[in-house]
Full PDB file with SEQRES, HELIX, SHEET, SSBOND, CRYST1, ORIGX, SCALE, CONECT and MASTER records, all heavy atoms in Angstrom:
SEQRES   1 A   31  GLU ASP GLN LEU ARG GLU LEU HIS ILE PRO GLU GLU PHE          
SEQRES   2 A   31  TRP ALA LEU GLN ASP LEU GLY LYS HIS LYS LEU PHE SER          
SEQRES   3 A   31  GLU TRP VAL ARG MET                                          
HELIX    1 AA1 ASP A    2  ARG A    5  1                                   4    
HELIX    2 AA2 TRP A   14  LEU A   19  1                                   6    
HELIX    3 AA3 PHE A   25  ARG A   30  1                                   6    
CRYST1    1.000    1.000    1.000  90.00  90.00  90.00 P 1           1          
ORIGX1      1.000000  0.000000  0.000000        0.00000                         
ORIGX2      0.000000  1.000000  0.000000        0.00000                         
ORIGX3      0.000000  0.000000  1.000000        0.00000                         
SCALE1      1.000000  0.000000  0.000000        0.00000                         
SCALE2      0.000000  1.000000  0.000000        0.00000                         
SCALE3      0.000000  0.000000  1.000000        0.00000                         
ATOM      1  N   GLU A   1       3.493   3.749  -9.652  1.00  0.00           N  
ATOM      2  CA  GLU A   1       2.380   4.600  -9.194  1.00  0.00           C  
ATOM      3  C   GLU A   1       1.054   3.898  -9.441  1.00  0.00           C  
ATOM      4  O   GLU A   1       0.153   4.008  -8.595  1.00  0.00           O  
ATOM      5  CB  GLU A   1       2.415   5.949  -9.916  1.00  0.00           C  
ATOM      6  CG  GLU A   1       3.495   6.867  -9.406  1.00  0.00           C  
ATOM      7  CD  GLU A   1       3.384   8.238 -10.036  1.00  0.00           C  
ATOM      8  OE1 GLU A   1       2.314   8.810 -10.168  1.00  0.00           O  
ATOM      9  OE2 GLU A   1       4.523   8.759 -10.429  1.00  0.00           O  
ATOM     10  N   ASP A   2       0.938   3.218 -10.517  1.00  0.00           N  
ATOM     11  CA  ASP A   2      -0.335   2.504 -10.831  1.00  0.00           C  
ATOM     12  C   ASP A   2      -0.626   1.452  -9.783  1.00  0.00           C  
ATOM     13  O   ASP A   2      -1.779   1.320  -9.332  1.00  0.00           O  
ATOM     14  CB  ASP A   2      -0.281   1.859 -12.257  1.00  0.00           C  
ATOM     15  CG  ASP A   2      -0.386   2.840 -13.364  1.00  0.00           C  
ATOM     16  OD1 ASP A   2      -0.868   3.992 -13.081  1.00  0.00           O  
ATOM     17  OD2 ASP A   2      -0.034   2.499 -14.478  1.00  0.00           O  
ATOM     18  N   GLN A   3       0.351   0.683  -9.360  1.00  0.00           N  
ATOM     19  CA  GLN A   3       0.147  -0.318  -8.339  1.00  0.00           C  
ATOM     20  C   GLN A   3      -0.302   0.344  -7.031  1.00  0.00           C  
ATOM     21  O   GLN A   3      -1.181  -0.201  -6.357  1.00  0.00           O  
ATOM     22  CB  GLN A   3       1.451  -1.110  -8.102  1.00  0.00           C  
ATOM     23  CG  GLN A   3       1.775  -2.073  -9.236  1.00  0.00           C  
ATOM     24  CD  GLN A   3       3.132  -2.699  -9.059  1.00  0.00           C  
ATOM     25  OE1 GLN A   3       4.131  -2.020  -8.809  1.00  0.00           O  
ATOM     26  NE2 GLN A   3       3.200  -4.005  -9.262  1.00  0.00           N  
ATOM     27  N   LEU A   4       0.340   1.464  -6.710  1.00  0.00           N  
ATOM     28  CA  LEU A   4      -0.058   2.220  -5.478  1.00  0.00           C  
ATOM     29  C   LEU A   4      -1.511   2.721  -5.615  1.00  0.00           C  
ATOM     30  O   LEU A   4      -2.295   2.552  -4.711  1.00  0.00           O  
ATOM     31  CB  LEU A   4       0.900   3.337  -5.203  1.00  0.00           C  
ATOM     32  CG  LEU A   4       2.233   2.929  -4.559  1.00  0.00           C  
ATOM     33  CD1 LEU A   4       3.150   4.163  -4.510  1.00  0.00           C  
ATOM     34  CD2 LEU A   4       2.056   2.343  -3.178  1.00  0.00           C  
ATOM     35  N   ARG A   5      -1.742   3.335  -6.712  1.00  0.00           N  
ATOM     36  CA  ARG A   5      -3.048   3.954  -6.956  1.00  0.00           C  
ATOM     37  C   ARG A   5      -4.191   2.903  -6.794  1.00  0.00           C  
ATOM     38  O   ARG A   5      -5.246   3.175  -6.222  1.00  0.00           O  
ATOM     39  CB  ARG A   5      -3.137   4.575  -8.337  1.00  0.00           C  
ATOM     40  CG  ARG A   5      -4.358   5.464  -8.571  1.00  0.00           C  
ATOM     41  CD  ARG A   5      -4.249   6.221  -9.896  1.00  0.00           C  
ATOM     42  NE  ARG A   5      -3.174   7.145  -9.906  1.00  0.00           N  
ATOM     43  CZ  ARG A   5      -1.996   7.011 -10.551  1.00  0.00           C  
ATOM     44  NH1 ARG A   5      -1.749   5.954 -11.314  1.00  0.00           N  
ATOM     45  NH2 ARG A   5      -1.075   7.937 -10.530  1.00  0.00           N  
ATOM     46  N   GLU A   6      -3.919   1.686  -7.283  1.00  0.00           N  
ATOM     47  CA  GLU A   6      -4.885   0.602  -7.169  1.00  0.00           C  
ATOM     48  C   GLU A   6      -4.785  -0.158  -5.876  1.00  0.00           C  
ATOM     49  O   GLU A   6      -5.601  -1.106  -5.676  1.00  0.00           O  
ATOM     50  CB  GLU A   6      -4.724  -0.344  -8.371  1.00  0.00           C  
ATOM     51  CG  GLU A   6      -4.923   0.309  -9.712  1.00  0.00           C  
ATOM     52  CD  GLU A   6      -4.408  -0.540 -10.887  1.00  0.00           C  
ATOM     53  OE1 GLU A   6      -4.029  -1.749 -10.678  1.00  0.00           O  
ATOM     54  OE2 GLU A   6      -4.359  -0.026 -11.992  1.00  0.00           O  
ATOM     55  N   LEU A   7      -3.872   0.280  -5.057  1.00  0.00           N  
ATOM     56  CA  LEU A   7      -3.566  -0.455  -3.765  1.00  0.00           C  
ATOM     57  C   LEU A   7      -3.288  -1.929  -4.006  1.00  0.00           C  
ATOM     58  O   LEU A   7      -3.607  -2.794  -3.253  1.00  0.00           O  
ATOM     59  CB  LEU A   7      -4.703  -0.283  -2.736  1.00  0.00           C  
ATOM     60  CG  LEU A   7      -4.846   1.103  -2.207  1.00  0.00           C  
ATOM     61  CD1 LEU A   7      -6.027   1.204  -1.210  1.00  0.00           C  
ATOM     62  CD2 LEU A   7      -3.552   1.602  -1.534  1.00  0.00           C  
ATOM     63  N   HIS A   8      -2.643  -2.185  -5.206  1.00  0.00           N  
ATOM     64  CA  HIS A   8      -2.191  -3.497  -5.566  1.00  0.00           C  
ATOM     65  C   HIS A   8      -0.745  -3.641  -5.176  1.00  0.00           C  
ATOM     66  O   HIS A   8       0.175  -3.226  -5.836  1.00  0.00           O  
ATOM     67  CB  HIS A   8      -2.363  -3.778  -7.031  1.00  0.00           C  
ATOM     68  CG  HIS A   8      -1.787  -5.091  -7.492  1.00  0.00           C  
ATOM     69  ND1 HIS A   8      -2.391  -6.260  -7.125  1.00  0.00           N  
ATOM     70  CD2 HIS A   8      -0.707  -5.366  -8.150  1.00  0.00           C  
ATOM     71  CE1 HIS A   8      -1.669  -7.257  -7.633  1.00  0.00           C  
ATOM     72  NE2 HIS A   8      -0.588  -6.778  -8.281  1.00  0.00           N  
ATOM     73  N   ILE A   9      -0.520  -4.169  -3.942  1.00  0.00           N  
ATOM     74  CA  ILE A   9       0.794  -4.309  -3.428  1.00  0.00           C  
ATOM     75  C   ILE A   9       1.246  -5.783  -3.575  1.00  0.00           C  
ATOM     76  O   ILE A   9       0.716  -6.684  -2.872  1.00  0.00           O  
ATOM     77  CB  ILE A   9       0.870  -3.979  -1.897  1.00  0.00           C  
ATOM     78  CG1 ILE A   9       0.215  -2.584  -1.610  1.00  0.00           C  
ATOM     79  CG2 ILE A   9       2.312  -3.980  -1.429  1.00  0.00           C  
ATOM     80  CD1 ILE A   9       0.822  -1.396  -2.297  1.00  0.00           C  
ATOM     81  N   PRO A  10       2.119  -6.068  -4.527  1.00  0.00           N  
ATOM     82  CA  PRO A  10       2.525  -7.471  -4.820  1.00  0.00           C  
ATOM     83  C   PRO A  10       3.148  -8.085  -3.535  1.00  0.00           C  
ATOM     84  O   PRO A  10       3.705  -7.383  -2.663  1.00  0.00           O  
ATOM     85  CB  PRO A  10       3.568  -7.351  -5.907  1.00  0.00           C  
ATOM     86  CG  PRO A  10       3.246  -6.042  -6.576  1.00  0.00           C  
ATOM     87  CD  PRO A  10       2.719  -5.182  -5.512  1.00  0.00           C  
ATOM     88  N   GLU A  11       3.020  -9.375  -3.380  1.00  0.00           N  
ATOM     89  CA  GLU A  11       3.525 -10.107  -2.235  1.00  0.00           C  
ATOM     90  C   GLU A  11       4.990  -9.848  -1.979  1.00  0.00           C  
ATOM     91  O   GLU A  11       5.465  -9.800  -0.835  1.00  0.00           O  
ATOM     92  CB  GLU A  11       3.276 -11.561  -2.440  1.00  0.00           C  
ATOM     93  CG  GLU A  11       3.363 -12.386  -1.179  1.00  0.00           C  
ATOM     94  CD  GLU A  11       2.925 -13.829  -1.400  1.00  0.00           C  
ATOM     95  OE1 GLU A  11       1.822 -14.012  -1.935  1.00  0.00           O  
ATOM     96  OE2 GLU A  11       3.695 -14.747  -1.030  1.00  0.00           O  
ATOM     97  N   GLU A  12       5.778  -9.678  -3.036  1.00  0.00           N  
ATOM     98  CA  GLU A  12       7.182  -9.450  -2.892  1.00  0.00           C  
ATOM     99  C   GLU A  12       7.518  -8.139  -2.145  1.00  0.00           C  
ATOM    100  O   GLU A  12       8.604  -7.979  -1.604  1.00  0.00           O  
ATOM    101  CB  GLU A  12       7.937  -9.438  -4.220  1.00  0.00           C  
ATOM    102  CG  GLU A  12       7.553  -8.221  -5.070  1.00  0.00           C  
ATOM    103  CD  GLU A  12       7.999  -8.338  -6.495  1.00  0.00           C  
ATOM    104  OE1 GLU A  12       7.455  -9.209  -7.209  1.00  0.00           O  
ATOM    105  OE2 GLU A  12       8.874  -7.548  -6.911  1.00  0.00           O  
ATOM    106  N   PHE A  13       6.573  -7.241  -2.083  1.00  0.00           N  
ATOM    107  CA  PHE A  13       6.748  -5.949  -1.393  1.00  0.00           C  
ATOM    108  C   PHE A  13       6.291  -6.135   0.037  1.00  0.00           C  
ATOM    109  O   PHE A  13       5.333  -5.467   0.515  1.00  0.00           O  
ATOM    110  CB  PHE A  13       6.021  -4.825  -2.082  1.00  0.00           C  
ATOM    111  CG  PHE A  13       6.546  -4.464  -3.440  1.00  0.00           C  
ATOM    112  CD1 PHE A  13       5.896  -4.845  -4.616  1.00  0.00           C  
ATOM    113  CD2 PHE A  13       7.748  -3.782  -3.585  1.00  0.00           C  
ATOM    114  CE1 PHE A  13       6.395  -4.547  -5.827  1.00  0.00           C  
ATOM    115  CE2 PHE A  13       8.276  -3.468  -4.824  1.00  0.00           C  
ATOM    116  CZ  PHE A  13       7.595  -3.855  -5.984  1.00  0.00           C  
ATOM    117  N   TRP A  14       6.947  -6.972   0.783  1.00  0.00           N  
ATOM    118  CA  TRP A  14       6.518  -7.350   2.159  1.00  0.00           C  
ATOM    119  C   TRP A  14       6.477  -6.155   3.119  1.00  0.00           C  
ATOM    120  O   TRP A  14       5.572  -6.085   3.939  1.00  0.00           O  
ATOM    121  CB  TRP A  14       7.349  -8.484   2.703  1.00  0.00           C  
ATOM    122  CG  TRP A  14       8.842  -8.142   2.875  1.00  0.00           C  
ATOM    123  CD1 TRP A  14       9.803  -8.433   1.913  1.00  0.00           C  
ATOM    124  CD2 TRP A  14       9.460  -7.568   3.978  1.00  0.00           C  
ATOM    125  NE1 TRP A  14      11.047  -7.990   2.387  1.00  0.00           N  
ATOM    126  CE2 TRP A  14      10.825  -7.454   3.641  1.00  0.00           C  
ATOM    127  CE3 TRP A  14       9.026  -7.044   5.185  1.00  0.00           C  
ATOM    128  CZ2 TRP A  14      11.779  -6.870   4.506  1.00  0.00           C  
ATOM    129  CZ3 TRP A  14       9.964  -6.476   6.040  1.00  0.00           C  
ATOM    130  CH2 TRP A  14      11.288  -6.415   5.741  1.00  0.00           C  
ATOM    131  N   ALA A  15       7.417  -5.210   3.003  1.00  0.00           N  
ATOM    132  CA  ALA A  15       7.439  -4.064   3.889  1.00  0.00           C  
ATOM    133  C   ALA A  15       6.239  -3.153   3.654  1.00  0.00           C  
ATOM    134  O   ALA A  15       5.610  -2.687   4.625  1.00  0.00           O  
ATOM    135  CB  ALA A  15       8.730  -3.306   3.774  1.00  0.00           C  
ATOM    136  N   LEU A  16       5.923  -2.952   2.395  1.00  0.00           N  
ATOM    137  CA  LEU A  16       4.692  -2.167   2.095  1.00  0.00           C  
ATOM    138  C   LEU A  16       3.413  -2.929   2.503  1.00  0.00           C  
ATOM    139  O   LEU A  16       2.429  -2.302   2.921  1.00  0.00           O  
ATOM    140  CB  LEU A  16       4.639  -1.816   0.611  1.00  0.00           C  
ATOM    141  CG  LEU A  16       5.642  -0.754   0.178  1.00  0.00           C  
ATOM    142  CD1 LEU A  16       5.589  -0.539  -1.364  1.00  0.00           C  
ATOM    143  CD2 LEU A  16       5.380   0.564   0.864  1.00  0.00           C  
ATOM    144  N   GLN A  17       3.474  -4.235   2.368  1.00  0.00           N  
ATOM    145  CA  GLN A  17       2.261  -5.009   2.815  1.00  0.00           C  
ATOM    146  C   GLN A  17       2.101  -4.878   4.334  1.00  0.00           C  
ATOM    147  O   GLN A  17       0.986  -4.767   4.812  1.00  0.00           O  
ATOM    148  CB  GLN A  17       2.417  -6.493   2.402  1.00  0.00           C  
ATOM    149  CG  GLN A  17       2.159  -6.684   0.921  1.00  0.00           C  
ATOM    150  CD  GLN A  17       1.770  -8.108   0.657  1.00  0.00           C  
ATOM    151  OE1 GLN A  17       1.853  -8.999   1.483  1.00  0.00           O  
ATOM    152  NE2 GLN A  17       1.287  -8.323  -0.612  1.00  0.00           N  
ATOM    153  N   ASP A  18       3.220  -4.928   5.083  1.00  0.00           N  
ATOM    154  CA  ASP A  18       3.150  -4.705   6.517  1.00  0.00           C  
ATOM    155  C   ASP A  18       2.533  -3.349   6.814  1.00  0.00           C  
ATOM    156  O   ASP A  18       1.701  -3.165   7.654  1.00  0.00           O  
ATOM    157  CB  ASP A  18       4.491  -4.797   7.185  1.00  0.00           C  
ATOM    158  CG  ASP A  18       5.050  -6.188   7.286  1.00  0.00           C  
ATOM    159  OD1 ASP A  18       4.353  -7.143   6.911  1.00  0.00           O  
ATOM    160  OD2 ASP A  18       6.236  -6.357   7.636  1.00  0.00           O  
ATOM    161  N   LEU A  19       3.019  -2.336   6.102  1.00  0.00           N  
ATOM    162  CA  LEU A  19       2.511  -0.993   6.259  1.00  0.00           C  
ATOM    163  C   LEU A  19       1.024  -0.878   5.892  1.00  0.00           C  
ATOM    164  O   LEU A  19       0.244  -0.162   6.485  1.00  0.00           O  
ATOM    165  CB  LEU A  19       3.348   0.003   5.408  1.00  0.00           C  
ATOM    166  CG  LEU A  19       3.164   1.480   5.677  1.00  0.00           C  
ATOM    167  CD1 LEU A  19       3.544   1.885   7.058  1.00  0.00           C  
ATOM    168  CD2 LEU A  19       4.041   2.253   4.639  1.00  0.00           C  
ATOM    169  N   GLY A  20       0.637  -1.684   4.856  1.00  0.00           N  
ATOM    170  CA  GLY A  20      -0.737  -1.696   4.422  1.00  0.00           C  
ATOM    171  C   GLY A  20      -1.728  -2.171   5.411  1.00  0.00           C  
ATOM    172  O   GLY A  20      -2.966  -2.022   5.245  1.00  0.00           O  
ATOM    173  N   LYS A  21      -1.252  -2.764   6.516  1.00  0.00           N  
ATOM    174  CA  LYS A  21      -2.163  -3.226   7.553  1.00  0.00           C  
ATOM    175  C   LYS A  21      -2.680  -2.120   8.466  1.00  0.00           C  
ATOM    176  O   LYS A  21      -3.610  -2.298   9.202  1.00  0.00           O  
ATOM    177  CB  LYS A  21      -1.462  -4.290   8.425  1.00  0.00           C  
ATOM    178  CG  LYS A  21      -1.104  -5.575   7.693  1.00  0.00           C  
ATOM    179  CD  LYS A  21      -0.265  -6.512   8.493  1.00  0.00           C  
ATOM    180  CE  LYS A  21       0.150  -7.702   7.640  1.00  0.00           C  
ATOM    181  NZ  LYS A  21       1.169  -8.470   8.280  1.00  0.00           N  
ATOM    182  N   HIS A  22      -2.088  -0.947   8.284  1.00  0.00           N  
ATOM    183  CA  HIS A  22      -2.511   0.220   9.088  1.00  0.00           C  
ATOM    184  C   HIS A  22      -3.794   0.766   8.545  1.00  0.00           C  
ATOM    185  O   HIS A  22      -4.000   0.832   7.319  1.00  0.00           O  
ATOM    186  CB  HIS A  22      -1.445   1.262   9.115  1.00  0.00           C  
ATOM    187  CG  HIS A  22      -1.645   2.344  10.145  1.00  0.00           C  
ATOM    188  ND1 HIS A  22      -2.550   3.345  10.023  1.00  0.00           N  
ATOM    189  CD2 HIS A  22      -1.061   2.523  11.364  1.00  0.00           C  
ATOM    190  CE1 HIS A  22      -2.487   4.140  11.065  1.00  0.00           C  
ATOM    191  NE2 HIS A  22      -1.593   3.614  11.928  1.00  0.00           N  
ATOM    192  N   LYS A  23      -4.701   1.129   9.380  1.00  0.00           N  
ATOM    193  CA  LYS A  23      -6.008   1.628   8.971  1.00  0.00           C  
ATOM    194  C   LYS A  23      -5.957   2.867   8.089  1.00  0.00           C  
ATOM    195  O   LYS A  23      -6.859   3.129   7.336  1.00  0.00           O  
ATOM    196  CB  LYS A  23      -6.926   1.891  10.183  1.00  0.00           C  
ATOM    197  CG  LYS A  23      -6.363   2.978  11.114  1.00  0.00           C  
ATOM    198  CD  LYS A  23      -7.245   3.162  12.356  1.00  0.00           C  
ATOM    199  CE  LYS A  23      -6.618   4.235  13.223  1.00  0.00           C  
ATOM    200  NZ  LYS A  23      -7.170   4.230  14.557  1.00  0.00           N  
ATOM    201  N   LEU A  24      -4.901   3.626   8.207  1.00  0.00           N  
ATOM    202  CA  LEU A  24      -4.730   4.872   7.443  1.00  0.00           C  
ATOM    203  C   LEU A  24      -3.883   4.729   6.187  1.00  0.00           C  
ATOM    204  O   LEU A  24      -3.489   5.698   5.550  1.00  0.00           O  
ATOM    205  CB  LEU A  24      -4.215   6.045   8.254  1.00  0.00           C  
ATOM    206  CG  LEU A  24      -5.095   6.423   9.469  1.00  0.00           C  
ATOM    207  CD1 LEU A  24      -4.413   7.449  10.359  1.00  0.00           C  
ATOM    208  CD2 LEU A  24      -6.466   6.915   9.008  1.00  0.00           C  
ATOM    209  N   PHE A  25      -3.519   3.482   5.826  1.00  0.00           N  
ATOM    210  CA  PHE A  25      -2.624   3.240   4.710  1.00  0.00           C  
ATOM    211  C   PHE A  25      -3.222   3.841   3.400  1.00  0.00           C  
ATOM    212  O   PHE A  25      -2.421   4.547   2.694  1.00  0.00           O  
ATOM    213  CB  PHE A  25      -2.379   1.738   4.518  1.00  0.00           C  
ATOM    214  CG  PHE A  25      -1.417   1.449   3.393  1.00  0.00           C  
ATOM    215  CD1 PHE A  25      -0.128   1.814   3.423  1.00  0.00           C  
ATOM    216  CD2 PHE A  25      -1.909   0.785   2.263  1.00  0.00           C  
ATOM    217  CE1 PHE A  25       0.747   1.520   2.373  1.00  0.00           C  
ATOM    218  CE2 PHE A  25      -1.049   0.499   1.202  1.00  0.00           C  
ATOM    219  CZ  PHE A  25       0.285   0.889   1.254  1.00  0.00           C  
ATOM    220  N   SER A  26      -4.415   3.585   3.093  1.00  0.00           N  
ATOM    221  CA  SER A  26      -4.947   4.095   1.814  1.00  0.00           C  
ATOM    222  C   SER A  26      -4.923   5.621   1.797  1.00  0.00           C  
ATOM    223  O   SER A  26      -4.656   6.203   0.708  1.00  0.00           O  
ATOM    224  CB  SER A  26      -6.358   3.584   1.519  1.00  0.00           C  
ATOM    225  OG  SER A  26      -7.239   3.913   2.535  1.00  0.00           O  
ATOM    226  N   GLU A  27      -5.142   6.286   2.909  1.00  0.00           N  
ATOM    227  CA  GLU A  27      -5.097   7.724   2.960  1.00  0.00           C  
ATOM    228  C   GLU A  27      -3.678   8.207   2.785  1.00  0.00           C  
ATOM    229  O   GLU A  27      -3.373   9.201   2.080  1.00  0.00           O  
ATOM    230  CB  GLU A  27      -5.647   8.246   4.294  1.00  0.00           C  
ATOM    231  CG  GLU A  27      -5.592   9.730   4.527  1.00  0.00           C  
ATOM    232  CD  GLU A  27      -6.421  10.528   3.514  1.00  0.00           C  
ATOM    233  OE1 GLU A  27      -7.272   9.918   2.834  1.00  0.00           O  
ATOM    234  OE2 GLU A  27      -6.182  11.743   3.368  1.00  0.00           O  
ATOM    235  N   TRP A  28      -2.715   7.490   3.397  1.00  0.00           N  
ATOM    236  CA  TRP A  28      -1.312   7.825   3.259  1.00  0.00           C  
ATOM    237  C   TRP A  28      -0.871   7.659   1.772  1.00  0.00           C  
ATOM    238  O   TRP A  28      -0.151   8.538   1.247  1.00  0.00           O  
ATOM    239  CB  TRP A  28      -0.460   6.894   4.132  1.00  0.00           C  
ATOM    240  CG  TRP A  28       0.985   7.193   4.031  1.00  0.00           C  
ATOM    241  CD1 TRP A  28       1.701   8.086   4.739  1.00  0.00           C  
ATOM    242  CD2 TRP A  28       1.939   6.542   3.171  1.00  0.00           C  
ATOM    243  NE1 TRP A  28       3.071   8.088   4.328  1.00  0.00           N  
ATOM    244  CE2 TRP A  28       3.195   7.111   3.376  1.00  0.00           C  
ATOM    245  CE3 TRP A  28       1.806   5.531   2.231  1.00  0.00           C  
ATOM    246  CZ2 TRP A  28       4.343   6.720   2.687  1.00  0.00           C  
ATOM    247  CZ3 TRP A  28       2.955   5.131   1.512  1.00  0.00           C  
ATOM    248  CH2 TRP A  28       4.166   5.730   1.758  1.00  0.00           C  
ATOM    249  N   VAL A  29      -1.288   6.628   1.104  1.00  0.00           N  
ATOM    250  CA  VAL A  29      -0.970   6.408  -0.300  1.00  0.00           C  
ATOM    251  C   VAL A  29      -1.542   7.544  -1.105  1.00  0.00           C  
ATOM    252  O   VAL A  29      -0.863   8.085  -2.022  1.00  0.00           O  
ATOM    253  CB  VAL A  29      -1.506   5.042  -0.762  1.00  0.00           C  
ATOM    254  CG1 VAL A  29      -1.405   4.976  -2.322  1.00  0.00           C  
ATOM    255  CG2 VAL A  29      -0.675   3.864  -0.171  1.00  0.00           C  
ATOM    256  N   ARG A  30      -2.772   7.906  -0.810  1.00  0.00           N  
ATOM    257  CA  ARG A  30      -3.407   9.062  -1.568  1.00  0.00           C  
ATOM    258  C   ARG A  30      -2.582  10.337  -1.441  1.00  0.00           C  
ATOM    259  O   ARG A  30      -2.329  10.985  -2.439  1.00  0.00           O  
ATOM    260  CB  ARG A  30      -4.852   9.277  -1.025  1.00  0.00           C  
ATOM    261  CG  ARG A  30      -5.598  10.305  -1.870  1.00  0.00           C  
ATOM    262  CD  ARG A  30      -6.945  10.698  -1.225  1.00  0.00           C  
ATOM    263  NE  ARG A  30      -6.720  11.462   0.015  1.00  0.00           N  
ATOM    264  CZ  ARG A  30      -6.331  12.704   0.057  1.00  0.00           C  
ATOM    265  NH1 ARG A  30      -6.050  13.402  -1.028  1.00  0.00           N  
ATOM    266  NH2 ARG A  30      -6.161  13.321   1.246  1.00  0.00           N  
ATOM    267  N   MET A  31      -2.101  10.638  -0.212  1.00  0.00           N  
ATOM    268  CA  MET A  31      -1.282  11.811  -0.018  1.00  0.00           C  
ATOM    269  C   MET A  31       0.099  11.704  -0.663  1.00  0.00           C  
ATOM    270  O   MET A  31       0.557  12.662  -1.218  1.00  0.00           O  
ATOM    271  CB  MET A  31      -1.145  12.096   1.496  1.00  0.00           C  
ATOM    272  CG  MET A  31      -2.450  12.534   2.126  1.00  0.00           C  
ATOM    273  SD  MET A  31      -2.276  13.076   3.883  1.00  0.00           S  
ATOM    274  CE  MET A  31      -1.374  11.763   4.642  1.00  0.00           C  
TER     275      MET A  31                                                      
MASTER        0    0    0    3    0    0    0    6  274    1    0    3          
END                                                                             
């Protein structure tokens, strides 16, 4: 949860990094 809260997505989490390219990613993480 801490990594998500800080939007610190390690490189090994490639699928989440792909998702993180979406403009609404930070809002989605917040929800």
